[in-house]
Amino acid sequence: MSIQARRERERAERERLIVTAARELAESEGWDAVTTRRLAAEIEYSQPVLYSHFKGKDAIMAAVAIEGCADLAAELRAARTSAADPRQALAAVGAAFAAFADRHPALFDAMFVHAVDLPFATPEAPAALQEAFGELREAVRPFAHDDDLGTLTETFWSGLHGLMTLMHGGRMRREDHEKRLALLIDRFAH
């Protein structure tokens, strides 16, 4: 192995360590606890080392969001492809999206609530963002009929996002979550 290859591998490992530490800290204590000083202490590197990888907290949060979208895409794909028919696929994708948001509230916030420097809804969007949206789009496709598939998918996504954001914020009762999710799926699956 060349020295250059070893350095690149070590750099990638440090970036992975930073992103993992930020994600874990955000999930346990919230995004306000994620500072470059705190991350440097968590990973046992100096702040300048962190800044050699990321410009600051916003860039770290964007990296966490990309990783989260990759994780979400995999879960949505598994849900969609294991369903027996299009309606079940839509319901499985909706349930998987909601479960992901519930299990990872800080990650969900990095992906879809906090302002991050990522190009959403453009061809320049990172592959993980496009893949997560693509899984939603494929679940919605059988129900698009004459509607624009992209716009209909955005509407479905915003419905799921709204349900989870409002519930996480305490604006809707958790005990009615399954009813609301079923209603959303029912309205889309026509």
N, C-alpha and C. Protein backbone atom coordinates (compact mmCIF):
# COMPACT_ATOMS: atom_id res chain seq x y z
N MET A 1 0.85 -1.18 0.00
CA MET A 1 0.00 0.00 0.00
C MET A 1 0.89 1.24 0.00
N SER A 2 0.57 2.17 -0.86
CA SER A 2 1.37 3.38 -0.94
C SER A 2 1.05 4.30 0.24
N ILE A 3 1.97 5.21 0.49
CA ILE A 3 1.76 6.19 1.57
C ILE A 3 0.53 7.03 1.27
N GLN A 4 0.35 7.40 0.01
CA GLN A 4 -0.81 8.22 -0.39
C GLN A 4 -2.12 7.47 -0.14
N ALA A 5 -2.16 6.20 -0.48
CA ALA A 5 -3.37 5.40 -0.26
C ALA A 5 -3.66 5.28 1.23
N ARG A 6 -2.63 5.08 2.04
CA ARG A 6 -2.81 4.99 3.49
C ARG A 6 -3.35 6.30 4.04
N ARG A 7 -2.80 7.42 3.58
CA ARG A 7 -3.26 8.74 4.05
C ARG A 7 -4.72 8.98 3.67
N GLU A 8 -5.08 8.59 2.46
CA GLU A 8 -6.47 8.76 2.02
C GLU A 8 -7.41 7.88 2.86
N ARG A 9 -6.99 6.65 3.15
CA ARG A 9 -7.79 5.77 3.98
C ARG A 9 -7.94 6.34 5.39
N GLU A 10 -6.85 6.85 5.96
CA GLU A 10 -6.90 7.44 7.30
C GLU A 10 -7.78 8.68 7.31
N ARG A 11 -7.71 9.48 6.27
CA ARG A 11 -8.56 10.67 6.18
C ARG A 11 -10.04 10.28 6.13
N ALA A 12 -10.35 9.28 5.32
CA ALA A 12 -11.74 8.80 5.22
C ALA A 12 -12.21 8.24 6.56
N GLU A 13 -11.34 7.55 7.26
CA GLU A 13 -11.70 7.01 8.58
C GLU A 13 -11.96 8.13 9.58
N ARG A 14 -11.16 9.21 9.53
CA ARG A 14 -11.39 10.35 10.43
C ARG A 14 -12.72 11.03 10.11
N GLU A 15 -13.00 11.21 8.83
CA GLU A 15 -14.29 11.82 8.44
C GLU A 15 -15.45 10.96 8.93
N ARG A 16 -15.33 9.65 8.77
CA ARG A 16 -16.36 8.72 9.24
C ARG A 16 -16.54 8.84 10.75
N LEU A 17 -15.43 8.95 11.47
CA LEU A 17 -15.45 9.10 12.92
C LEU A 17 -16.15 10.40 13.32
N ILE A 18 -15.87 11.48 12.62
CA ILE A 18 -16.48 12.78 12.91
C ILE A 18 -17.99 12.72 12.68
N VAL A 19 -18.40 12.18 11.54
CA VAL A 19 -19.82 12.10 11.20
C VAL A 19 -20.55 11.19 12.19
N THR A 20 -19.97 10.07 12.52
CA THR A 20 -20.59 9.16 13.48
C THR A 20 -20.73 9.80 14.85
N ALA A 21 -19.68 10.48 15.29
CA ALA A 21 -19.74 11.16 16.60
C ALA A 21 -20.80 12.25 16.61
N ALA A 22 -20.88 13.02 15.53
CA ALA A 22 -21.89 14.09 15.45
C ALA A 22 -23.29 13.50 15.48
N ARG A 23 -23.49 12.45 14.74
CA ARG A 23 -24.80 11.80 14.67
C ARG A 23 -25.21 11.26 16.04
N GLU A 24 -24.29 10.56 16.70
CA GLU A 24 -24.59 9.98 18.02
C GLU A 24 -24.83 11.06 19.07
N LEU A 25 -24.03 12.11 19.04
CA LEU A 25 -24.19 13.20 20.00
C LEU A 25 -25.52 13.92 19.77
N ALA A 26 -25.86 14.16 18.51
CA ALA A 26 -27.14 14.83 18.20
C ALA A 26 -28.31 13.98 18.66
N GLU A 27 -28.25 12.67 18.43
CA GLU A 27 -29.35 11.80 18.85
C GLU A 27 -29.48 11.73 20.37
N SER A 28 -28.37 11.79 21.07
CA SER A 28 -28.45 11.67 22.54
C SER A 28 -28.71 13.00 23.24
N GLU A 29 -28.20 14.12 22.67
CA GLU A 29 -28.31 15.40 23.37
C GLU A 29 -28.89 16.54 22.53
N GLY A 30 -29.13 16.31 21.25
CA GLY A 30 -29.67 17.34 20.37
C GLY A 30 -28.56 18.07 19.62
N TRP A 31 -28.94 18.75 18.55
CA TRP A 31 -27.97 19.43 17.70
C TRP A 31 -27.27 20.58 18.39
N ASP A 32 -27.88 21.19 19.39
CA ASP A 32 -27.20 22.27 20.11
C ASP A 32 -25.95 21.78 20.82
N ALA A 33 -25.91 20.51 21.18
CA ALA A 33 -24.74 19.93 21.86
C ALA A 33 -23.60 19.65 20.89
N VAL A 34 -23.89 19.63 19.60
CA VAL A 34 -22.87 19.32 18.60
C VAL A 34 -22.11 20.60 18.25
N THR A 35 -20.93 20.73 18.82
CA THR A 35 -20.03 21.84 18.51
C THR A 35 -18.71 21.24 18.07
N THR A 36 -17.91 22.03 17.37
CA THR A 36 -16.61 21.50 16.95
C THR A 36 -15.73 21.20 18.15
N ARG A 37 -15.83 22.00 19.18
CA ARG A 37 -15.05 21.74 20.40
C ARG A 37 -15.46 20.40 21.02
N ARG A 38 -16.77 20.20 21.13
CA ARG A 38 -17.26 18.96 21.74
C ARG A 38 -16.91 17.75 20.87
N LEU A 39 -17.06 17.89 19.56
CA LEU A 39 -16.71 16.79 18.66
C LEU A 39 -15.23 16.46 18.74
N ALA A 40 -14.40 17.48 18.78
CA ALA A 40 -12.95 17.27 18.89
C ALA A 40 -12.64 16.46 20.15
N ALA A 41 -13.29 16.81 21.24
CA ALA A 41 -13.07 16.06 22.49
C ALA A 41 -13.59 14.63 22.36
N GLU A 42 -14.74 14.45 21.72
CA GLU A 42 -15.34 13.12 21.58
C GLU A 42 -14.46 12.17 20.75
N ILE A 43 -13.87 12.69 19.69
CA ILE A 43 -13.09 11.82 18.81
C ILE A 43 -11.59 11.87 19.13
N GLU A 44 -11.22 12.69 20.09
CA GLU A 44 -9.83 12.82 20.55
C GLU A 44 -8.89 13.30 19.46
N TYR A 45 -9.36 14.30 18.72
CA TYR A 45 -8.54 15.02 17.75
C TYR A 45 -8.70 16.50 18.06
N SER A 46 -7.80 17.31 17.55
CA SER A 46 -7.89 18.75 17.78
C SER A 46 -8.94 19.37 16.87
N GLN A 47 -9.40 20.56 17.24
CA GLN A 47 -10.36 21.27 16.39
C GLN A 47 -9.77 21.54 15.00
N PRO A 48 -8.49 21.92 14.87
CA PRO A 48 -7.94 22.10 13.52
C PRO A 48 -8.05 20.85 12.65
N VAL A 49 -7.97 19.66 13.25
CA VAL A 49 -8.15 18.43 12.47
C VAL A 49 -9.58 18.37 11.95
N LEU A 50 -10.55 18.71 12.80
CA LEU A 50 -11.94 18.73 12.34
C LEU A 50 -12.10 19.70 11.17
N TYR A 51 -11.50 20.90 11.32
CA TYR A 51 -11.63 21.91 10.27
C TYR A 51 -10.87 21.52 9.00
N SER A 52 -9.93 20.59 9.10
CA SER A 52 -9.26 20.13 7.88
C SER A 52 -10.17 19.20 7.08
N HIS A 53 -11.24 18.72 7.72
CA HIS A 53 -12.21 17.84 7.04
C HIS A 53 -13.51 18.57 6.69
N PHE A 54 -13.96 19.44 7.59
CA PHE A 54 -15.24 20.13 7.42
C PHE A 54 -15.07 21.61 7.77
N LYS A 55 -15.79 22.48 7.06
CA LYS A 55 -15.71 23.92 7.31
C LYS A 55 -16.26 24.31 8.67
N GLY A 56 -17.17 23.51 9.20
CA GLY A 56 -17.78 23.80 10.49
C GLY A 56 -18.96 22.89 10.73
N LYS A 57 -19.74 23.25 11.72
CA LYS A 57 -20.87 22.42 12.13
C LYS A 57 -21.87 22.22 10.99
N ASP A 58 -22.13 23.25 10.21
CA ASP A 58 -23.09 23.12 9.12
C ASP A 58 -22.65 22.06 8.10
N ALA A 59 -21.36 22.04 7.80
CA ALA A 59 -20.84 21.05 6.85
C ALA A 59 -20.92 19.64 7.44
N ILE A 60 -20.69 19.54 8.73
CA ILE A 60 -20.80 18.24 9.40
C ILE A 60 -22.25 17.78 9.37
N MET A 61 -23.17 18.71 9.64
CA MET A 61 -24.60 18.37 9.61
C MET A 61 -25.02 17.94 8.21
N ALA A 62 -24.48 18.57 7.18
CA ALA A 62 -24.79 18.18 5.80
C ALA A 62 -24.29 16.76 5.53
N ALA A 63 -23.10 16.43 6.02
CA ALA A 63 -22.56 15.08 5.84
C ALA A 63 -23.43 14.06 6.58
N VAL A 64 -23.91 14.42 7.76
CA VAL A 64 -24.81 13.55 8.51
C VAL A 64 -26.11 13.37 7.73
N ALA A 65 -26.62 14.45 7.15
CA ALA A 65 -27.86 14.38 6.38
C ALA A 65 -27.71 13.45 5.17
N ILE A 66 -26.58 13.52 4.49
CA ILE A 66 -26.35 12.66 3.33
C ILE A 66 -26.32 11.20 3.78
N GLU A 67 -25.60 10.93 4.86
CA GLU A 67 -25.55 9.57 5.38
C GLU A 67 -26.95 9.09 5.78
N GLY A 68 -27.72 9.97 6.41
CA GLY A 68 -29.08 9.62 6.81
C GLY A 68 -29.96 9.32 5.61
N CYS A 69 -29.81 10.08 4.54
CA CYS A 69 -30.60 9.82 3.33
C CYS A 69 -30.25 8.47 2.73
N ALA A 70 -28.98 8.10 2.78
CA ALA A 70 -28.58 6.77 2.29
C ALA A 70 -29.24 5.68 3.13
N ASP A 71 -29.24 5.87 4.45
CA ASP A 71 -29.89 4.90 5.34
C ASP A 71 -31.39 4.83 5.07
N LEU A 72 -32.02 6.00 4.92
CA LEU A 72 -33.45 6.05 4.65
C LEU A 72 -33.77 5.38 3.32
N ALA A 73 -32.98 5.66 2.29
CA ALA A 73 -33.21 5.05 0.98
C ALA A 73 -33.20 3.53 1.08
N ALA A 74 -32.24 3.00 1.82
CA ALA A 74 -32.15 1.53 1.97
C ALA A 74 -33.39 0.98 2.68
N GLU A 75 -33.85 1.66 3.71
CA GLU A 75 -35.04 1.20 4.43
C GLU A 75 -36.29 1.31 3.57
N LEU A 76 -36.41 2.40 2.82
CA LEU A 76 -37.58 2.56 1.94
C LEU A 76 -37.57 1.51 0.83
N ARG A 77 -36.40 1.25 0.27
CA ARG A 77 -36.28 0.25 -0.79
C ARG A 77 -36.70 -1.13 -0.27
N ALA A 78 -36.21 -1.48 0.91
CA ALA A 78 -36.57 -2.78 1.50
C ALA A 78 -38.07 -2.88 1.73
N ALA A 79 -38.67 -1.81 2.22
CA ALA A 79 -40.11 -1.81 2.47
C ALA A 79 -40.88 -1.93 1.16
N ARG A 80 -40.49 -1.15 0.16
CA ARG A 80 -41.20 -1.13 -1.12
C ARG A 80 -41.09 -2.45 -1.85
N THR A 81 -39.89 -3.01 -1.89
CA THR A 81 -39.69 -4.22 -2.69
C THR A 81 -40.20 -5.49 -2.01
N SER A 82 -40.49 -5.41 -0.73
CA SER A 82 -41.01 -6.60 -0.05
C SER A 82 -42.54 -6.65 -0.05
N ALA A 83 -43.18 -5.62 -0.58
CA ALA A 83 -44.64 -5.56 -0.59
C ALA A 83 -45.21 -6.37 -1.76
N ALA A 84 -46.40 -6.89 -1.55
CA ALA A 84 -47.05 -7.76 -2.54
C ALA A 84 -47.70 -6.99 -3.69
N ASP A 85 -48.13 -5.76 -3.44
CA ASP A 85 -48.80 -5.00 -4.48
C ASP A 85 -48.53 -3.51 -4.27
N PRO A 86 -48.91 -2.66 -5.23
CA PRO A 86 -48.59 -1.23 -5.13
C PRO A 86 -49.17 -0.54 -3.89
N ARG A 87 -50.39 -0.89 -3.51
CA ARG A 87 -50.97 -0.25 -2.32
C ARG A 87 -50.19 -0.63 -1.07
N GLN A 88 -49.84 -1.90 -0.95
CA GLN A 88 -49.04 -2.34 0.19
C GLN A 88 -47.66 -1.70 0.16
N ALA A 89 -47.11 -1.51 -1.03
CA ALA A 89 -45.80 -0.87 -1.15
C ALA A 89 -45.87 0.58 -0.66
N LEU A 90 -46.91 1.30 -1.07
CA LEU A 90 -47.08 2.68 -0.62
C LEU A 90 -47.22 2.73 0.90
N ALA A 91 -48.04 1.84 1.44
CA ALA A 91 -48.23 1.80 2.90
C ALA A 91 -46.93 1.43 3.61
N ALA A 92 -46.18 0.48 3.06
CA ALA A 92 -44.92 0.06 3.68
C ALA A 92 -43.89 1.18 3.65
N VAL A 93 -43.83 1.91 2.54
CA VAL A 93 -42.90 3.03 2.43
C VAL A 93 -43.29 4.14 3.40
N GLY A 94 -44.58 4.44 3.48
CA GLY A 94 -45.03 5.46 4.44
C GLY A 94 -44.70 5.07 5.87
N ALA A 95 -44.95 3.81 6.21
CA ALA A 95 -44.65 3.33 7.56
C ALA A 95 -43.15 3.33 7.82
N ALA A 96 -42.34 2.96 6.82
CA ALA A 96 -40.89 2.94 6.99
C ALA A 96 -40.35 4.36 7.19
N PHE A 97 -40.89 5.31 6.43
CA PHE A 97 -40.48 6.71 6.57
C PHE A 97 -40.79 7.20 7.99
N ALA A 98 -42.00 6.92 8.44
CA ALA A 98 -42.43 7.36 9.78
C ALA A 98 -41.60 6.69 10.87
N ALA A 99 -41.34 5.40 10.72
CA ALA A 99 -40.55 4.67 11.72
C ALA A 99 -39.12 5.21 11.77
N PHE A 100 -38.55 5.51 10.61
CA PHE A 100 -37.20 6.07 10.55
C PHE A 100 -37.17 7.41 11.29
N ALA A 101 -38.14 8.26 11.01
CA ALA A 101 -38.19 9.58 11.67
C ALA A 101 -38.35 9.43 13.17
N ASP A 102 -39.12 8.45 13.60
CA ASP A 102 -39.32 8.22 15.04
C ASP A 102 -38.06 7.68 15.72
N ARG A 103 -37.36 6.78 15.04
CA ARG A 103 -36.14 6.19 15.63
C ARG A 103 -34.97 7.17 15.64
N HIS A 104 -34.95 8.10 14.70
CA HIS A 104 -33.80 9.00 14.54
C HIS A 104 -34.25 10.46 14.44
N PRO A 105 -34.84 11.01 15.49
CA PRO A 105 -35.38 12.37 15.37
C PRO A 105 -34.33 13.44 15.05
N ALA A 106 -33.15 13.36 15.63
CA ALA A 106 -32.12 14.37 15.33
C ALA A 106 -31.60 14.20 13.91
N LEU A 107 -31.46 12.97 13.46
CA LEU A 107 -31.04 12.72 12.08
C LEU A 107 -32.10 13.23 11.12
N PHE A 108 -33.36 12.94 11.40
CA PHE A 108 -34.47 13.43 10.58
C PHE A 108 -34.42 14.96 10.49
N ASP A 109 -34.15 15.62 11.62
CA ASP A 109 -34.04 17.08 11.61
C ASP A 109 -32.90 17.55 10.72
N ALA A 110 -31.75 16.88 10.78
CA ALA A 110 -30.63 17.26 9.93
C ALA A 110 -30.98 17.08 8.46
N MET A 111 -31.71 16.03 8.16
CA MET A 111 -32.07 15.72 6.78
C MET A 111 -33.13 16.65 6.22
N PHE A 112 -34.14 16.99 7.05
CA PHE A 112 -35.32 17.64 6.50
C PHE A 112 -35.83 18.88 7.22
N VAL A 113 -35.23 19.24 8.34
CA VAL A 113 -35.75 20.39 9.08
C VAL A 113 -34.72 21.52 9.13
N HIS A 114 -33.53 21.24 9.61
CA HIS A 114 -32.49 22.27 9.72
C HIS A 114 -32.00 22.67 8.34
N ALA A 115 -31.62 23.93 8.22
CA ALA A 115 -31.04 24.41 6.97
C ALA A 115 -29.65 23.80 6.83
N VAL A 116 -29.42 23.07 5.75
CA VAL A 116 -28.11 22.52 5.44
C VAL A 116 -27.75 22.93 4.02
N ASP A 117 -26.48 23.02 3.77
CA ASP A 117 -26.00 23.45 2.46
C ASP A 117 -25.94 22.26 1.50
N LEU A 118 -27.12 21.81 1.11
CA LEU A 118 -27.24 20.72 0.15
C LEU A 118 -28.26 21.11 -0.90
N PRO A 119 -27.99 20.78 -2.15
CA PRO A 119 -28.96 21.09 -3.21
C PRO A 119 -30.04 20.02 -3.29
N PHE A 120 -31.19 20.29 -2.70
CA PHE A 120 -32.33 19.39 -2.80
C PHE A 120 -33.05 19.68 -4.10
N ALA A 121 -33.74 18.68 -4.61
CA ALA A 121 -34.62 18.82 -5.77
C ALA A 121 -33.92 19.41 -6.99
N THR A 122 -32.66 19.07 -7.17
CA THR A 122 -31.91 19.49 -8.35
C THR A 122 -31.09 18.30 -8.84
N PRO A 123 -30.67 18.35 -10.10
CA PRO A 123 -29.80 17.28 -10.59
C PRO A 123 -28.46 17.21 -9.84
N GLU A 124 -28.07 18.30 -9.19
CA GLU A 124 -26.81 18.34 -8.45
C GLU A 124 -26.94 17.74 -7.05
N ALA A 125 -28.12 17.33 -6.65
CA ALA A 125 -28.32 16.75 -5.32
C ALA A 125 -27.44 15.51 -5.19
N PRO A 126 -26.85 15.31 -4.01
CA PRO A 126 -26.06 14.09 -3.80
C PRO A 126 -26.88 12.84 -4.08
N ALA A 127 -26.19 11.79 -4.51
CA ALA A 127 -26.86 10.55 -4.90
C ALA A 127 -27.77 10.01 -3.80
N ALA A 128 -27.36 10.10 -2.55
CA ALA A 128 -28.19 9.56 -1.46
C ALA A 128 -29.53 10.28 -1.36
N LEU A 129 -29.54 11.60 -1.58
CA LEU A 129 -30.79 12.35 -1.56
C LEU A 129 -31.68 11.91 -2.72
N GLN A 130 -31.08 11.75 -3.89
CA GLN A 130 -31.84 11.32 -5.06
C GLN A 130 -32.40 9.91 -4.88
N GLU A 131 -31.62 9.04 -4.25
CA GLU A 131 -32.08 7.67 -4.02
C GLU A 131 -33.25 7.62 -3.05
N ALA A 132 -33.18 8.40 -1.97
CA ALA A 132 -34.29 8.41 -1.00
C ALA A 132 -35.56 8.93 -1.68
N PHE A 133 -35.44 10.03 -2.42
CA PHE A 133 -36.60 10.55 -3.13
C PHE A 133 -37.08 9.55 -4.18
N GLY A 134 -36.15 8.87 -4.83
CA GLY A 134 -36.49 7.89 -5.84
C GLY A 134 -37.32 6.74 -5.29
N GLU A 135 -37.03 6.33 -4.07
CA GLU A 135 -37.83 5.26 -3.47
C GLU A 135 -39.25 5.73 -3.19
N LEU A 136 -39.40 6.97 -2.74
CA LEU A 136 -40.75 7.53 -2.56
C LEU A 136 -41.46 7.59 -3.91
N ARG A 137 -40.73 8.07 -4.93
CA ARG A 137 -41.31 8.20 -6.27
C ARG A 137 -41.79 6.86 -6.81
N GLU A 138 -41.00 5.80 -6.61
CA GLU A 138 -41.40 4.49 -7.12
C GLU A 138 -42.62 3.95 -6.40
N ALA A 139 -42.77 4.28 -5.13
CA ALA A 139 -43.96 3.85 -4.40
C ALA A 139 -45.20 4.61 -4.87
N VAL A 140 -45.03 5.85 -5.26
CA VAL A 140 -46.14 6.70 -5.70
C VAL A 140 -46.50 6.45 -7.17
N ARG A 141 -45.53 6.03 -7.96
CA ARG A 141 -45.70 5.89 -9.42
C ARG A 141 -47.01 5.21 -9.84
N PRO A 142 -47.39 4.07 -9.24
CA PRO A 142 -48.62 3.41 -9.71
C PRO A 142 -49.89 4.24 -9.51
N PHE A 143 -49.82 5.29 -8.72
CA PHE A 143 -51.01 6.09 -8.42
C PHE A 143 -50.99 7.46 -9.09
N ALA A 144 -49.98 7.72 -9.91
CA ALA A 144 -49.83 9.05 -10.51
C ALA A 144 -50.87 9.34 -11.59
N HIS A 145 -51.25 8.34 -12.34
CA HIS A 145 -52.22 8.52 -13.44
C HIS A 145 -51.79 9.70 -14.30
N ASP A 146 -52.61 10.76 -14.37
CA ASP A 146 -52.29 11.91 -15.20
C ASP A 146 -51.52 13.00 -14.45
N ASP A 147 -51.28 12.79 -13.17
CA ASP A 147 -50.55 13.79 -12.38
C ASP A 147 -49.06 13.73 -12.69
N ASP A 148 -48.38 14.84 -12.51
CA ASP A 148 -46.94 14.88 -12.65
C ASP A 148 -46.34 14.05 -11.51
N LEU A 149 -45.58 13.03 -11.85
CA LEU A 149 -45.05 12.09 -10.85
C LEU A 149 -44.16 12.79 -9.82
N GLY A 150 -43.30 13.69 -10.26
CA GLY A 150 -42.42 14.39 -9.33
C GLY A 150 -43.19 15.24 -8.33
N THR A 151 -44.15 15.96 -8.83
CA THR A 151 -44.96 16.82 -7.96
C THR A 151 -45.81 15.99 -7.00
N LEU A 152 -46.38 14.91 -7.50
CA LEU A 152 -47.18 14.05 -6.63
C LEU A 152 -46.30 13.42 -5.55
N THR A 153 -45.09 13.02 -5.91
CA THR A 153 -44.16 12.45 -4.93
C THR A 153 -43.79 13.49 -3.88
N GLU A 154 -43.53 14.70 -4.32
CA GLU A 154 -43.23 15.77 -3.35
C GLU A 154 -44.39 16.00 -2.40
N THR A 155 -45.60 15.88 -2.91
CA THR A 155 -46.78 16.07 -2.08
C THR A 155 -46.90 14.94 -1.05
N PHE A 156 -46.66 13.71 -1.49
CA PHE A 156 -46.68 12.57 -0.56
C PHE A 156 -45.60 12.73 0.49
N TRP A 157 -44.40 13.06 0.07
CA TRP A 157 -43.27 13.27 0.97
C TRP A 157 -43.61 14.37 1.98
N SER A 158 -44.18 15.47 1.51
CA SER A 158 -44.50 16.57 2.43
C SER A 158 -45.58 16.16 3.42
N GLY A 159 -46.51 15.31 2.99
CA GLY A 159 -47.51 14.80 3.92
C GLY A 159 -46.88 13.97 5.02
N LEU A 160 -45.99 13.05 4.63
CA LEU A 160 -45.28 12.24 5.63
C LEU A 160 -44.43 13.11 6.54
N HIS A 161 -43.70 14.02 5.93
CA HIS A 161 -42.84 14.92 6.70
C HIS A 161 -43.65 15.76 7.68
N GLY A 162 -44.74 16.30 7.22
CA GLY A 162 -45.59 17.12 8.08
C GLY A 162 -46.15 16.33 9.26
N LEU A 163 -46.61 15.12 8.99
CA LEU A 163 -47.13 14.29 10.08
C LEU A 163 -46.06 14.07 11.15
N MET A 164 -44.86 13.73 10.71
CA MET A 164 -43.80 13.42 11.67
C MET A 164 -43.30 14.68 12.39
N THR A 165 -43.15 15.76 11.67
CA THR A 165 -42.67 17.01 12.28
C THR A 165 -43.67 17.54 13.30
N LEU A 166 -44.93 17.54 12.95
CA LEU A 166 -45.95 18.02 13.89
C LEU A 166 -46.08 17.12 15.10
N MET A 167 -45.98 15.81 14.89
CA MET A 167 -46.06 14.89 16.02
C MET A 167 -44.83 15.04 16.92
N HIS A 168 -43.65 15.11 16.32
CA HIS A 168 -42.43 15.30 17.12
C HIS A 168 -42.47 16.59 17.91
N GLY A 169 -43.09 17.61 17.35
CA GLY A 169 -43.19 18.90 18.01
C GLY A 169 -44.31 18.98 19.03
N GLY A 170 -45.02 17.89 19.23
CA GLY A 170 -46.10 17.87 20.20
C GLY A 170 -47.37 18.55 19.74
N ARG A 171 -47.50 18.79 18.45
CA ARG A 171 -48.68 19.47 17.93
C ARG A 171 -49.80 18.51 17.55
N MET A 172 -49.47 17.22 17.49
CA MET A 172 -50.50 16.21 17.21
C MET A 172 -50.31 15.06 18.19
N ARG A 173 -51.42 14.43 18.54
CA ARG A 173 -51.39 13.32 19.50
C ARG A 173 -50.71 12.09 18.89
N ARG A 174 -49.77 11.55 19.61
CA ARG A 174 -49.06 10.35 19.16
C ARG A 174 -50.00 9.17 19.01
N GLU A 175 -50.99 9.07 19.88
CA GLU A 175 -51.88 7.90 19.85
C GLU A 175 -52.70 7.83 18.56
N ASP A 176 -52.82 8.92 17.81
CA ASP A 176 -53.56 8.90 16.55
C ASP A 176 -52.65 8.78 15.33
N HIS A 177 -51.38 8.54 15.56
CA HIS A 177 -50.41 8.49 14.46
C HIS A 177 -50.79 7.45 13.41
N GLU A 178 -51.09 6.24 13.81
CA GLU A 178 -51.41 5.17 12.86
C GLU A 178 -52.65 5.53 12.04
N LYS A 179 -53.64 6.16 12.67
CA LYS A 179 -54.86 6.57 11.94
C LYS A 179 -54.52 7.61 10.88
N ARG A 180 -53.70 8.60 11.26
CA ARG A 180 -53.33 9.65 10.30
C ARG A 180 -52.53 9.07 9.13
N LEU A 181 -51.60 8.18 9.45
CA LEU A 181 -50.78 7.57 8.40
C LEU A 181 -51.66 6.74 7.46
N ALA A 182 -52.58 5.98 8.00
CA ALA A 182 -53.49 5.18 7.17
C ALA A 182 -54.36 6.07 6.29
N LEU A 183 -54.81 7.18 6.83
CA LEU A 183 -55.63 8.12 6.07
C LEU A 183 -54.83 8.70 4.89
N LEU A 184 -53.58 9.08 5.16
CA LEU A 184 -52.74 9.64 4.09
C LEU A 184 -52.53 8.60 2.99
N ILE A 185 -52.21 7.39 3.38
CA ILE A 185 -51.98 6.32 2.39
C ILE A 185 -53.27 6.07 1.60
N ASP A 186 -54.39 6.00 2.29
CA ASP A 186 -55.67 5.75 1.63
C ASP A 186 -55.99 6.81 0.60
N ARG A 187 -55.71 8.07 0.91
CA ARG A 187 -56.01 9.16 -0.03
C ARG A 187 -55.09 9.12 -1.25
N PHE A 188 -53.88 8.64 -1.08
CA PHE A 188 -52.95 8.56 -2.21
C PHE A 188 -53.16 7.32 -3.06
N ALA A 189 -53.62 6.26 -2.47
CA ALA A 189 -53.71 4.96 -3.15
C ALA A 189 -55.00 4.80 -3.93
N HIS A 190 -55.28 5.71 -4.79
CA HIS A 190 -56.48 5.61 -5.64
C HIS A 190 -56.10 5.45 -7.07
